[in-house]
Amino acid sequence: MDGRRRNPYELTDETPVYVISVAAQLSGLHPQTLRQYDRLGLVSPDRTAGRGRRYSARDIELLRQVQQLSQDEGINLAGIKRIIELENQVAALQSRVAELSAAVEGAAAAMRQREAQVHASYRRDLVPYQDVQQASALVVWRPPRRGEHT
């Protein structure tokens, strides 16, 4: 959840409000088909205290998708169940990737901030020293002239 308290009377796509007869009518399926889909684990609605099924708008959409895959695409119910499982897995993984991407971006921002702090703490009176390899250096020595002090 996003951390905010929800209004208990607020309806969302996840709110189970439709009894089986209404869900059947909205999805264009027979109530017995909805019961069968529930037994097979294709669409599992919430249950009331008295064990009655309550379907959400999301469940209705899923019922329509199952019907479309079955009738229009010719996919059997076992295949449809696997498709739904894989779609749910993909959605969960996409959510996890977004979560990890946000964490990486936060860590990168903290690292850049810390790097800036380190650079700001450098002593300004020091001059960087670069070690010169002897093979590439040329040193010219001239003796001091008479009367010059070094």
Protein backbone atom coordinates (compact mmCIF):
# COMPACT_ATOMS: atom_id res chain seq x y z
CA MET A 1 0.00 0.00 0.00
CA ASP A 2 1.08 3.63 -0.37
CA GLY A 3 1.10 4.39 3.35
CA ARG A 4 -2.03 6.60 3.35
CA ARG A 5 -5.17 5.53 5.15
CA ARG A 6 -7.98 4.72 2.80
CA ASN A 7 -11.56 5.76 3.26
CA PRO A 8 -13.36 2.48 4.12
CA TYR A 9 -16.27 3.55 1.90
CA GLU A 10 -14.10 4.38 -1.12
CA LEU A 11 -14.76 2.05 -4.06
CA THR A 12 -11.82 0.95 -6.19
CA ASP A 13 -11.37 -1.62 -8.96
CA GLU A 14 -10.37 -4.06 -6.21
CA THR A 15 -13.49 -3.55 -4.06
CA PRO A 16 -15.62 -6.73 -4.07
CA VAL A 17 -19.18 -5.48 -4.55
CA TYR A 18 -20.92 -7.64 -7.18
CA VAL A 19 -22.83 -10.79 -6.30
CA ILE A 20 -22.45 -13.71 -8.70
CA SER A 21 -25.64 -12.98 -10.69
CA VAL A 22 -24.58 -9.38 -11.35
CA ALA A 23 -20.99 -10.42 -12.15
CA ALA A 24 -22.33 -13.03 -14.59
CA GLN A 25 -24.50 -10.44 -16.30
CA LEU A 26 -21.67 -7.86 -16.49
CA SER A 27 -19.21 -10.40 -17.87
CA GLY A 28 -21.67 -12.04 -20.26
CA LEU A 29 -21.16 -15.47 -18.70
CA HIS A 30 -23.46 -17.94 -16.95
CA PRO A 31 -23.22 -18.01 -13.12
CA GLN A 32 -22.26 -21.69 -13.30
CA THR A 33 -19.29 -20.73 -15.50
CA LEU A 34 -18.15 -18.26 -12.84
CA ARG A 35 -18.36 -21.00 -10.20
CA GLN A 36 -16.32 -23.30 -12.44
CA TYR A 37 -13.67 -20.61 -13.00
CA ASP A 38 -13.50 -20.12 -9.22
CA ARG A 39 -13.05 -23.88 -8.64
CA LEU A 40 -10.26 -23.96 -11.24
CA GLY A 41 -8.56 -20.91 -9.70
CA LEU A 42 -8.91 -18.76 -12.82
CA VAL A 43 -10.90 -15.99 -11.14
CA SER A 44 -11.14 -16.19 -7.36
CA PRO A 45 -13.56 -13.60 -5.94
CA ASP A 46 -13.59 -12.53 -2.32
CA ARG A 47 -16.00 -14.25 0.03
CA THR A 48 -18.49 -12.83 2.51
CA ALA A 49 -18.80 -14.16 6.05
CA GLY A 50 -21.55 -16.46 4.77
CA ARG A 51 -19.22 -17.77 1.99
CA GLY A 52 -21.05 -15.89 -0.79
CA ARG A 53 -18.89 -14.75 -3.70
CA ARG A 54 -18.28 -11.03 -4.22
CA TYR A 55 -16.65 -9.90 -7.47
CA SER A 56 -14.73 -6.67 -8.03
CA ALA A 57 -14.53 -4.64 -11.24
CA ARG A 58 -11.06 -6.17 -11.73
CA ASP A 59 -12.56 -9.66 -11.42
CA ILE A 60 -15.19 -8.78 -14.04
CA GLU A 61 -12.44 -7.61 -16.41
CA LEU A 62 -10.53 -10.82 -15.78
CA LEU A 63 -13.66 -12.88 -16.51
CA ARG A 64 -14.01 -11.06 -19.84
CA GLN A 65 -10.35 -11.73 -20.61
CA VAL A 66 -10.75 -15.45 -19.81
CA GLN A 67 -13.81 -15.60 -22.08
CA GLN A 68 -11.97 -13.83 -24.89
CA LEU A 69 -8.94 -16.12 -24.64
CA SER A 70 -11.15 -19.19 -24.54
CA GLN A 71 -13.64 -18.29 -27.28
CA ASP A 72 -11.66 -16.07 -29.66
CA GLU A 73 -8.17 -17.52 -29.25
CA GLY A 74 -9.13 -21.15 -28.63
CA ILE A 75 -6.94 -21.50 -25.55
CA ASN A 76 -7.95 -24.16 -23.04
CA LEU A 77 -8.59 -23.27 -19.40
CA ALA A 78 -5.28 -24.73 -18.18
CA GLY A 79 -3.46 -22.53 -20.70
CA ILE A 80 -5.48 -19.51 -19.65
CA LYS A 81 -4.62 -20.17 -16.00
CA ARG A 82 -0.93 -20.28 -16.91
CA ILE A 83 -1.24 -17.04 -18.91
CA ILE A 84 -2.88 -15.30 -15.95
CA GLU A 85 -0.19 -16.60 -13.58
CA LEU A 86 2.56 -15.37 -15.90
CA GLU A 87 0.90 -11.98 -16.34
CA ASN A 88 0.67 -11.63 -12.56
CA GLN A 89 4.31 -12.64 -12.24
CA VAL A 90 5.36 -10.10 -14.88
CA ALA A 91 3.40 -7.37 -13.09
CA ALA A 92 5.04 -8.26 -9.77
CA LEU A 93 8.50 -8.26 -11.38
CA GLN A 94 7.87 -4.92 -13.08
CA SER A 95 6.85 -3.49 -9.73
CA ARG A 96 10.01 -4.89 -8.13
CA VAL A 97 12.19 -3.47 -10.94
CA ALA A 98 10.61 -0.04 -10.43
CA GLU A 99 11.22 -0.33 -6.68
CA LEU A 100 14.86 -1.34 -7.17
CA SER A 101 15.42 1.36 -9.79
CA ALA A 102 14.17 3.96 -7.33
CA ALA A 103 16.49 2.54 -4.66
CA VAL A 104 19.47 2.62 -7.03
CA GLU A 105 18.69 6.20 -8.04
CA GLY A 106 18.45 7.18 -4.37
CA ALA A 107 21.78 5.50 -3.61
CA ALA A 108 23.41 7.18 -6.62
CA ALA A 109 22.11 10.58 -5.51
CA ALA A 110 23.44 9.98 -1.98
CA MET A 111 26.78 8.92 -3.43
CA ARG A 112 26.99 12.06 -5.58
CA GLN A 113 26.15 14.19 -2.56
CA ARG A 114 28.79 12.48 -0.43
CA GLU A 115 31.34 12.81 -3.24
CA ALA A 116 30.62 16.55 -3.41
CA GLN A 117 31.11 16.79 0.36
CA VAL A 118 34.46 15.00 0.11
CA HIS A 119 35.61 17.28 -2.71
CA ALA A 120 34.52 20.33 -0.72
CA SER A 121 36.63 19.16 2.22
CA TYR A 122 39.89 19.07 0.27
CA ARG A 123 42.65 21.31 1.57
CA ARG A 124 43.15 24.18 -0.85
CA ASP A 125 46.73 24.90 0.24
CA LEU A 126 48.00 21.60 -1.17
CA VAL A 127 49.05 21.26 -4.77
CA PRO A 128 48.50 17.93 -6.48
CA TYR A 129 51.72 16.04 -7.07
CA GLN A 130 52.10 13.94 -10.13
CA ASP A 131 54.87 11.36 -10.08
CA VAL A 132 56.88 11.58 -13.29
CA GLN A 133 58.48 8.44 -14.57
CA GLN A 134 62.25 8.76 -14.80
CA ALA A 135 62.43 7.50 -18.38
CA SER A 136 60.22 10.30 -19.66
CA ALA A 137 61.72 13.16 -17.61
CA LEU A 138 64.42 15.50 -18.76
CA VAL A 139 66.28 17.43 -16.08
CA VAL A 140 68.63 20.23 -17.03
CA TRP A 141 71.18 21.29 -14.42
CA ARG A 142 73.09 24.46 -14.67
CA PRO A 143 75.66 25.41 -12.14
CA PRO A 144 74.96 28.64 -10.38
CA ARG A 145 76.85 31.65 -11.71
CA ARG A 146 79.36 33.26 -9.57
CA GLY A 147 77.82 35.64 -7.17
CA GLU A 148 74.31 34.11 -7.30
CA HIS A 149 72.88 32.60 -4.20
CA THR A 150 70.38 29.81 -4.28
